[in-house]
């Protein structure tokens, strides 16, 4: 499986749509980027595609707007949906951050 690498423009766009709120951090992941809140990932960059983790309603709305599976074609990431071209990426990323922020914080393994 070939993992696509994001361009510098894709990385800049990803950083621009991620909300700058306390507790949110962007980290490298497998040559791409992930955005986390309380240790849980809420958005990811895979090549030039952004995927977000939403509640059931949000996932259905984003899929109806043209979103699809996120990640490698042969093994997409469960629970994440791509943000389609032309959608309000900032709004979807903010909605994903709010959803994941309400989940229990990730605990570090010892």
C-alpha atoms as a PDB file:
ATOM      1  CA  UNK A   1       0.000   0.000   0.000  1.00  0.00           C
ATOM      2  CA  UNK A   2       1.431   3.339  -1.093  1.00  0.00           C
ATOM      3  CA  UNK A   3       0.732   6.176   1.370  1.00  0.00           C
ATOM      4  CA  UNK A   4       0.331   9.495  -0.460  1.00  0.00           C
ATOM      5  CA  UNK A   5       2.399  12.399   0.809  1.00  0.00           C
ATOM      6  CA  UNK A   6       0.737  15.783   1.210  1.00  0.00           C
ATOM      7  CA  UNK A   7       2.057  18.787  -0.666  1.00  0.00           C
ATOM      8  CA  UNK A   8       3.123  21.888   1.243  1.00  0.00           C
ATOM      9  CA  UNK A   9      -0.095  23.580   0.017  1.00  0.00           C
ATOM     10  CA  UNK A  10      -2.176  20.703   1.430  1.00  0.00           C
ATOM     11  CA  UNK A  11      -0.375  20.961   4.775  1.00  0.00           C
ATOM     12  CA  UNK A  12      -0.929  24.730   4.897  1.00  0.00           C
ATOM     13  CA  UNK A  13      -4.621  24.298   4.053  1.00  0.00           C
ATOM     14  CA  UNK A  14      -4.991  21.639   6.765  1.00  0.00           C
ATOM     15  CA  UNK A  15      -3.410  23.924   9.369  1.00  0.00           C
ATOM     16  CA  UNK A  16      -5.686  26.772   8.223  1.00  0.00           C
ATOM     17  CA  UNK A  17      -8.929  24.804   8.721  1.00  0.00           C
ATOM     18  CA  UNK A  18      -8.048  23.320  12.118  1.00  0.00           C
ATOM     19  CA  UNK A  19      -9.554  25.418  14.930  1.00  0.00           C
ATOM     20  CA  UNK A  20      -7.000  27.281  17.033  1.00  0.00           C
ATOM     21  CA  UNK A  21      -8.590  26.418  20.364  1.00  0.00           C
ATOM     22  CA  UNK A  22      -6.959  25.314  23.619  1.00  0.00           C
ATOM     23  CA  UNK A  23      -6.115  21.633  23.701  1.00  0.00           C
ATOM     24  CA  UNK A  24      -5.979  21.240  19.903  1.00  0.00           C
ATOM     25  CA  UNK A  25      -2.663  20.125  18.442  1.00  0.00           C
ATOM     26  CA  UNK A  26      -1.503  19.027  14.998  1.00  0.00           C
ATOM     27  CA  UNK A  27       1.072  16.241  14.816  1.00  0.00           C
ATOM     28  CA  UNK A  28       2.765  14.282  12.027  1.00  0.00           C
ATOM     29  CA  UNK A  29       1.282  10.839  11.388  1.00  0.00           C
ATOM     30  CA  UNK A  30       2.725   8.340   8.905  1.00  0.00           C
ATOM     31  CA  UNK A  31       4.020  11.116   6.658  1.00  0.00           C
ATOM     32  CA  UNK A  32       0.720  13.009   6.849  1.00  0.00           C
ATOM     33  CA  UNK A  33      -0.881  15.099   9.621  1.00  0.00           C
ATOM     34  CA  UNK A  34      -3.421  14.493  12.367  1.00  0.00           C
ATOM     35  CA  UNK A  35      -5.306  17.001  14.520  1.00  0.00           C
ATOM     36  CA  UNK A  36      -6.008  15.989  18.106  1.00  0.00           C
ATOM     37  CA  UNK A  37      -7.980  17.256  21.061  1.00  0.00           C
ATOM     38  CA  UNK A  38      -7.457  15.706  24.494  1.00  0.00           C
ATOM     39  CA  UNK A  39      -5.284  13.072  22.819  1.00  0.00           C
ATOM     40  CA  UNK A  40      -8.036  11.916  20.440  1.00  0.00           C
ATOM     41  CA  UNK A  41      -7.774  12.497  16.685  1.00  0.00           C
ATOM     42  CA  UNK A  42     -10.622  14.498  15.158  1.00  0.00           C
ATOM     43  CA  UNK A  43      -9.177  15.268  11.712  1.00  0.00           C
ATOM     44  CA  UNK A  44      -6.503  13.884   9.463  1.00  0.00           C
ATOM     45  CA  UNK A  45      -4.730  14.726   6.247  1.00  0.00           C
ATOM     46  CA  UNK A  46      -4.121  11.861   3.803  1.00  0.00           C
ATOM     47  CA  UNK A  47      -2.369  13.179   0.719  1.00  0.00           C
ATOM     48  CA  UNK A  48      -4.581  16.123  -0.205  1.00  0.00           C
ATOM     49  CA  UNK A  49      -7.732  14.745   1.451  1.00  0.00           C
ATOM     50  CA  UNK A  50      -9.025  15.821   4.857  1.00  0.00           C
ATOM     51  CA  UNK A  51     -11.097  13.404   6.912  1.00  0.00           C
ATOM     52  CA  UNK A  52     -13.018  14.167  10.096  1.00  0.00           C
ATOM     53  CA  UNK A  53     -14.615  12.180  12.920  1.00  0.00           C
ATOM     54  CA  UNK A  54     -18.230  13.182  13.499  1.00  0.00           C
ATOM     55  CA  UNK A  55     -21.289  11.931  15.313  1.00  0.00           C
ATOM     56  CA  UNK A  56     -23.800   9.818  13.369  1.00  0.00           C
ATOM     57  CA  UNK A  57     -25.837  12.838  12.228  1.00  0.00           C
ATOM     58  CA  UNK A  58     -22.775  14.764  11.069  1.00  0.00           C
ATOM     59  CA  UNK A  59     -21.423  11.734   9.219  1.00  0.00           C
ATOM     60  CA  UNK A  60     -24.736  11.297   7.384  1.00  0.00           C
ATOM     61  CA  UNK A  61     -24.826  15.000   6.470  1.00  0.00           C
ATOM     62  CA  UNK A  62     -21.242  15.007   5.230  1.00  0.00           C
ATOM     63  CA  UNK A  63     -21.809  11.838   3.177  1.00  0.00           C
ATOM     64  CA  UNK A  64     -24.938  13.410   1.659  1.00  0.00           C
ATOM     65  CA  UNK A  65     -22.773  16.406   0.685  1.00  0.00           C
ATOM     66  CA  UNK A  66     -20.355  14.106  -1.169  1.00  0.00           C
ATOM     67  CA  UNK A  67     -18.023  12.890   1.573  1.00  0.00           C
ATOM     68  CA  UNK A  68     -16.760   9.329   1.486  1.00  0.00           C
ATOM     69  CA  UNK A  69     -14.338   6.934   3.132  1.00  0.00           C
ATOM     70  CA  UNK A  70     -11.090   8.415   4.455  1.00  0.00           C
ATOM     71  CA  UNK A  71      -7.657   6.860   4.169  1.00  0.00           C
ATOM     72  CA  UNK A  72      -6.277   4.097   1.981  1.00  0.00           C
ATOM     73  CA  UNK A  73      -8.814   2.759  -0.513  1.00  0.00           C
ATOM     74  CA  UNK A  74      -8.165  -0.830   0.512  1.00  0.00           C
ATOM     75  CA  UNK A  75      -8.464  -0.061   4.222  1.00  0.00           C
ATOM     76  CA  UNK A  76     -10.239   3.225   5.069  1.00  0.00           C
ATOM     77  CA  UNK A  77     -10.239   4.510   8.639  1.00  0.00           C
ATOM     78  CA  UNK A  78     -13.441   3.597  10.446  1.00  0.00           C
ATOM     79  CA  UNK A  79     -15.404   6.526  11.819  1.00  0.00           C
ATOM     80  CA  UNK A  80     -13.820   9.150   9.538  1.00  0.00           C
ATOM     81  CA  UNK A  81     -15.392  10.803   6.493  1.00  0.00           C
ATOM     82  CA  UNK A  82     -13.692  12.928   3.849  1.00  0.00           C
ATOM     83  CA  UNK A  83     -14.615  16.560   3.435  1.00  0.00           C
ATOM     84  CA  UNK A  84     -15.618  16.946  -0.237  1.00  0.00           C
ATOM     85  CA  UNK A  85     -14.293  19.721  -2.465  1.00  0.00           C
ATOM     86  CA  UNK A  86     -16.373  22.866  -2.145  1.00  0.00           C
ATOM     87  CA  UNK A  87     -17.563  22.089   1.391  1.00  0.00           C
ATOM     88  CA  UNK A  88     -16.861  24.447   4.301  1.00  0.00           C
ATOM     89  CA  UNK A  89     -13.787  22.641   5.612  1.00  0.00           C
ATOM     90  CA  UNK A  90     -13.366  24.990   8.581  1.00  0.00           C
ATOM     91  CA  UNK A  91     -16.929  24.395   9.760  1.00  0.00           C
ATOM     92  CA  UNK A  92     -16.612  20.607   9.422  1.00  0.00           C
ATOM     93  CA  UNK A  93     -13.266  20.581  11.245  1.00  0.00           C
ATOM     94  CA  UNK A  94     -14.720  22.720  14.055  1.00  0.00           C
ATOM     95  CA  UNK A  95     -17.724  20.406  14.321  1.00  0.00           C
ATOM     96  CA  UNK A  96     -15.417  17.375  14.484  1.00  0.00           C
ATOM     97  CA  UNK A  97     -13.242  19.036  17.141  1.00  0.00           C
ATOM     98  CA  UNK A  98     -16.309  19.796  19.280  1.00  0.00           C
ATOM     99  CA  UNK A  99     -17.597  16.231  18.909  1.00  0.00           C
ATOM    100  CA  UNK A 100     -14.275  14.613  19.835  1.00  0.00           C
ATOM    101  CA  UNK A 101     -13.637  17.101  22.677  1.00  0.00           C
ATOM    102  CA  UNK A 102     -16.784  15.722  24.349  1.00  0.00           C
ATOM    103  CA  UNK A 103     -15.307  12.194  24.361  1.00  0.00           C
ATOM    104  CA  UNK A 104     -13.225  10.940  27.298  1.00  0.00           C
ATOM    105  CA  UNK A 105      -9.587  12.073  27.070  1.00  0.00           C
ATOM    106  CA  UNK A 106      -7.108   9.518  25.772  1.00  0.00           C
ATOM    107  CA  UNK A 107      -5.012   8.053  28.564  1.00  0.00           C
ATOM    108  CA  UNK A 108      -1.357   7.286  28.014  1.00  0.00           C
ATOM    109  CA  UNK A 109      -0.307   3.657  28.246  1.00  0.00           C
ATOM    110  CA  UNK A 110       2.430   2.880  30.723  1.00  0.00           C
END
